[in-house]
């Protein structure tokens, strides 16, 4: 099973911290944020990883190389301009193969065990959901009997972790677009499954969130 790490964003909310360093390389306990994902993937037996890069992408490639230090093999998908989540994944499809693949946002920190993700989701997508953080109390989607819905009694937060079938991207838009556009279409067909995770999970979107994470781990 292959995986993709989304690492092409500008990290504008990080302020001066990302003026010269891309967000995936910011340090958590003296290690680049993205390295935790790579190590977790290697532990789960995932050795083929695609990373999309744009802003300061050459620094990500210089730091990670081809992945030997993590026990994986990295391929890079280059974007100019940035294609957002949906467009970025769509561009990388030739590197991801014809079977379902894992997608993880580079700017989350988690101990989620990738091994428990389904290799062949029942629908087009399988998403990991977590409790709503304080900065996003309304949540994203409902999880009802293992199926993701746009509306429900208790909305949860999308963790930025999922398994995607390539078929999700059939007839998708060209250029930049958010993955939520495809999620919405799939949810209308009840084609997205999900699971609820209560373990360690942090989103790193601001300097304050990075500081709190370094204090807590």
Protein backbone atom coordinates (compact mmCIF):
# COMPACT_ATOMS: atom_id res chain seq x y z
CA UNK A 1 0.00 0.00 0.00
CA UNK A 2 1.30 3.44 -0.92
CA UNK A 3 0.85 6.71 0.93
CA UNK A 4 0.88 10.41 0.18
CA UNK A 5 1.84 13.21 2.54
CA UNK A 6 0.36 16.62 1.72
CA UNK A 7 3.20 19.10 2.19
CA UNK A 8 2.75 21.78 -0.47
CA UNK A 9 1.05 24.50 1.58
CA UNK A 10 2.48 27.91 2.38
CA UNK A 11 1.92 27.76 6.14
CA UNK A 12 0.99 31.44 6.19
CA UNK A 13 -0.61 31.30 9.64
CA UNK A 14 2.73 30.28 11.12
CA UNK A 15 4.00 33.82 10.56
CA UNK A 16 7.78 34.30 10.56
CA UNK A 17 8.39 30.63 11.45
CA UNK A 18 7.76 29.62 7.85
CA UNK A 19 9.45 32.58 6.17
CA UNK A 20 12.49 30.43 5.39
CA UNK A 21 11.40 26.95 6.54
CA UNK A 22 8.41 25.03 5.14
CA UNK A 23 5.94 23.98 7.82
CA UNK A 24 6.59 20.21 7.45
CA UNK A 25 10.19 20.84 8.57
CA UNK A 26 9.32 22.75 11.75
CA UNK A 27 10.69 20.93 14.76
CA UNK A 28 8.76 18.90 17.29
CA UNK A 29 11.13 17.73 20.01
CA UNK A 30 14.11 18.43 17.73
CA UNK A 31 12.72 16.39 14.82
CA UNK A 32 10.95 17.69 11.70
CA UNK A 33 7.18 17.35 11.94
CA UNK A 34 6.98 15.33 8.72
CA UNK A 35 9.54 12.80 9.94
CA UNK A 36 7.06 11.43 12.48
CA UNK A 37 4.71 10.45 9.65
CA UNK A 38 7.50 8.77 7.71
CA UNK A 39 8.60 6.76 10.73
CA UNK A 40 5.03 5.72 11.50
CA UNK A 41 4.52 4.61 7.91
CA UNK A 42 7.67 2.52 7.98
CA UNK A 43 6.48 0.84 11.19
CA UNK A 44 3.20 0.04 9.46
CA UNK A 45 5.01 -1.57 6.55
CA UNK A 46 4.29 1.30 4.14
CA UNK A 47 7.47 1.86 2.18
CA UNK A 48 6.32 3.77 -0.93
CA UNK A 49 5.55 7.41 -0.08
CA UNK A 50 4.68 10.35 -2.33
CA UNK A 51 5.15 13.88 -1.02
CA UNK A 52 3.76 16.88 -2.89
CA UNK A 53 5.87 20.00 -2.60
CA UNK A 54 5.64 23.62 -3.72
CA UNK A 55 6.60 26.41 -1.31
CA UNK A 56 10.28 25.87 -0.34
CA UNK A 57 9.87 22.33 -1.62
CA UNK A 58 13.57 22.05 -2.40
CA UNK A 59 14.26 22.26 1.32
CA UNK A 60 11.90 19.37 2.04
CA UNK A 61 13.58 17.29 -0.63
CA UNK A 62 17.05 18.20 0.66
CA UNK A 63 16.10 17.24 4.23
CA UNK A 64 14.34 13.96 3.44
CA UNK A 65 16.19 12.80 0.35
CA UNK A 66 14.84 9.57 -1.10
CA UNK A 67 13.73 8.37 2.33
CA UNK A 68 16.47 5.87 3.15
CA UNK A 69 16.96 7.31 6.64
CA UNK A 70 13.32 6.52 7.45
CA UNK A 71 13.12 3.11 5.84
CA UNK A 72 10.86 4.28 2.99
CA UNK A 73 11.24 5.33 -0.62
CA UNK A 74 10.03 8.85 -1.38
CA UNK A 75 8.79 10.21 -4.71
CA UNK A 76 8.05 13.91 -5.08
CA UNK A 77 5.14 15.55 -6.88
CA UNK A 78 6.00 19.15 -7.76
CA UNK A 79 3.36 21.88 -7.89
CA UNK A 80 3.60 25.38 -9.33
CA UNK A 81 1.21 26.91 -8.48
CA UNK A 82 -0.12 25.11 -5.38
CA UNK A 83 -3.05 22.87 -6.34
CA UNK A 84 -4.85 22.60 -2.96
CA UNK A 85 -5.64 19.21 -1.45
CA UNK A 86 -7.79 17.78 -4.23
CA UNK A 87 -5.73 19.07 -7.11
CA UNK A 88 -2.51 18.00 -5.44
CA UNK A 89 -3.66 14.42 -4.99
CA UNK A 90 -5.06 14.28 -8.52
CA UNK A 91 -1.72 15.40 -9.98
CA UNK A 92 0.12 12.73 -7.98
CA UNK A 93 -2.14 9.84 -9.08
CA UNK A 94 0.40 8.48 -11.61
CA UNK A 95 2.84 8.02 -8.70
CA UNK A 96 0.25 6.40 -6.42
CA UNK A 97 -0.78 3.48 -8.60
CA UNK A 98 -4.13 1.84 -9.27
CA UNK A 99 -4.97 0.59 -5.76
CA UNK A 100 -6.27 2.52 -2.73
CA UNK A 101 -3.68 4.70 -1.02
CA UNK A 102 -3.31 6.54 2.29
CA UNK A 103 -3.31 10.35 2.41
CA UNK A 104 -2.04 12.26 5.45
CA UNK A 105 -1.69 15.99 6.03
CA UNK A 106 1.88 16.93 6.91
CA UNK A 107 0.72 19.45 9.50
CA UNK A 108 -0.90 17.01 11.93
CA UNK A 109 0.92 15.27 14.76
CA UNK A 110 -0.58 11.96 15.85
CA UNK A 111 0.10 8.48 17.14
CA UNK A 112 -2.61 7.00 14.92
CA UNK A 113 -1.47 3.52 13.80
CA UNK A 114 -1.65 3.51 10.01
CA UNK A 115 -1.73 -0.28 10.06
CA UNK A 116 -5.36 -0.27 11.17
CA UNK A 117 -6.55 1.57 8.07
CA UNK A 118 -8.45 -0.62 5.58
CA UNK A 119 -6.43 -1.51 2.49
CA UNK A 120 -9.61 -1.69 0.46
CA UNK A 121 -12.32 0.62 1.84
CA UNK A 122 -15.92 -0.38 1.21
CA UNK A 123 -16.65 2.94 -0.47
CA UNK A 124 -14.54 5.45 -2.33
CA UNK A 125 -12.94 6.89 0.81
CA UNK A 126 -12.33 5.98 4.45
CA UNK A 127 -11.70 8.89 6.83
CA UNK A 128 -10.35 9.14 10.36
CA UNK A 129 -12.38 11.47 12.58
CA UNK A 130 -11.40 13.02 15.92
CA UNK A 131 -13.04 15.21 18.55
CA UNK A 132 -13.50 18.82 17.55
CA UNK A 133 -10.61 21.05 18.64
CA UNK A 134 -11.35 24.33 20.38
CA UNK A 135 -10.62 26.37 17.25
CA UNK A 136 -13.13 24.34 15.18
CA UNK A 137 -15.99 23.51 17.55
CA UNK A 138 -18.58 22.93 14.82
CA UNK A 139 -16.72 20.01 13.31
CA UNK A 140 -16.76 18.79 9.71
CA UNK A 141 -18.84 15.67 9.18
CA UNK A 142 -21.05 13.20 11.04
CA UNK A 143 -20.10 9.57 11.58
CA UNK A 144 -23.18 7.34 11.74
CA UNK A 145 -22.81 3.56 11.87
CA UNK A 146 -19.44 3.74 10.18
CA UNK A 147 -20.62 6.02 7.36
CA UNK A 148 -19.58 9.65 6.91
CA UNK A 149 -22.41 12.12 6.30
CA UNK A 150 -22.44 15.84 5.69
CA UNK A 151 -24.97 16.43 8.46
CA UNK A 152 -25.84 14.68 11.71
CA UNK A 153 -26.40 15.10 15.42
CA UNK A 154 -22.73 15.06 16.41
CA UNK A 155 -20.25 16.44 13.91
CA UNK A 156 -16.62 15.39 14.29
CA UNK A 157 -13.38 16.86 12.97
CA UNK A 158 -11.66 15.34 9.94
CA UNK A 159 -8.21 14.31 11.16
CA UNK A 160 -6.43 14.74 7.83
CA UNK A 161 -5.91 10.97 7.58
CA UNK A 162 -7.71 8.71 5.13
CA UNK A 163 -7.66 6.00 2.49
CA UNK A 164 -8.68 6.99 -1.04
CA UNK A 165 -9.60 4.90 -4.05
CA UNK A 166 -8.30 6.38 -7.34
CA UNK A 167 -11.87 6.14 -8.65
CA UNK A 168 -12.76 9.10 -6.41
CA UNK A 169 -10.93 11.33 -8.89
CA UNK A 170 -12.72 10.21 -12.05
CA UNK A 171 -13.98 13.33 -13.85
CA UNK A 172 -12.55 15.58 -11.14
CA UNK A 173 -11.82 19.25 -11.94
CA UNK A 174 -8.49 20.24 -13.42
CA UNK A 175 -6.12 22.54 -11.60
CA UNK A 176 -6.56 23.58 -7.98
CA UNK A 177 -9.56 22.42 -5.95
CA UNK A 178 -10.28 21.27 -2.37
CA UNK A 179 -10.76 17.58 -1.65
CA UNK A 180 -13.99 18.47 0.16
CA UNK A 181 -15.55 18.98 -3.27
CA UNK A 182 -15.14 15.28 -4.04
CA UNK A 183 -16.10 14.26 -0.50
CA UNK A 184 -19.43 16.02 -0.89
CA UNK A 185 -20.26 14.10 -4.08
CA UNK A 186 -19.22 10.79 -2.51
CA UNK A 187 -21.25 11.44 0.64
CA UNK A 188 -24.36 11.93 -1.46
CA UNK A 189 -23.88 8.29 -2.56
CA UNK A 190 -23.01 7.13 0.99
CA UNK A 191 -19.63 6.16 -0.43
CA UNK A 192 -17.44 7.35 2.46
CA UNK A 193 -16.81 5.22 5.52
CA UNK A 194 -15.06 6.41 8.65
CA UNK A 195 -13.74 5.67 12.10
CA UNK A 196 -13.44 7.63 15.32
CA UNK A 197 -9.99 7.98 16.91
CA UNK A 198 -9.51 9.11 20.51
CA UNK A 199 -5.72 8.95 20.70
CA UNK A 200 -3.07 11.64 20.33
CA UNK A 201 -3.86 14.15 17.59
CA UNK A 202 -2.82 17.76 17.10
CA UNK A 203 -3.20 20.15 14.19
CA UNK A 204 -0.22 22.48 13.75
CA UNK A 205 -1.57 25.64 12.16
CA UNK A 206 -0.21 28.45 14.33
CA UNK A 207 2.95 29.17 16.34
CA UNK A 208 0.91 28.77 19.52
CA UNK A 209 -0.22 25.27 18.51
CA UNK A 210 3.38 24.28 17.75
CA UNK A 211 4.54 25.64 21.10
CA UNK A 212 1.81 23.80 23.00
CA UNK A 213 2.66 20.57 21.22
CA UNK A 214 6.34 20.85 22.12
CA UNK A 215 5.37 21.42 25.73
CA UNK A 216 3.05 18.43 25.87
CA UNK A 217 5.00 15.63 24.16
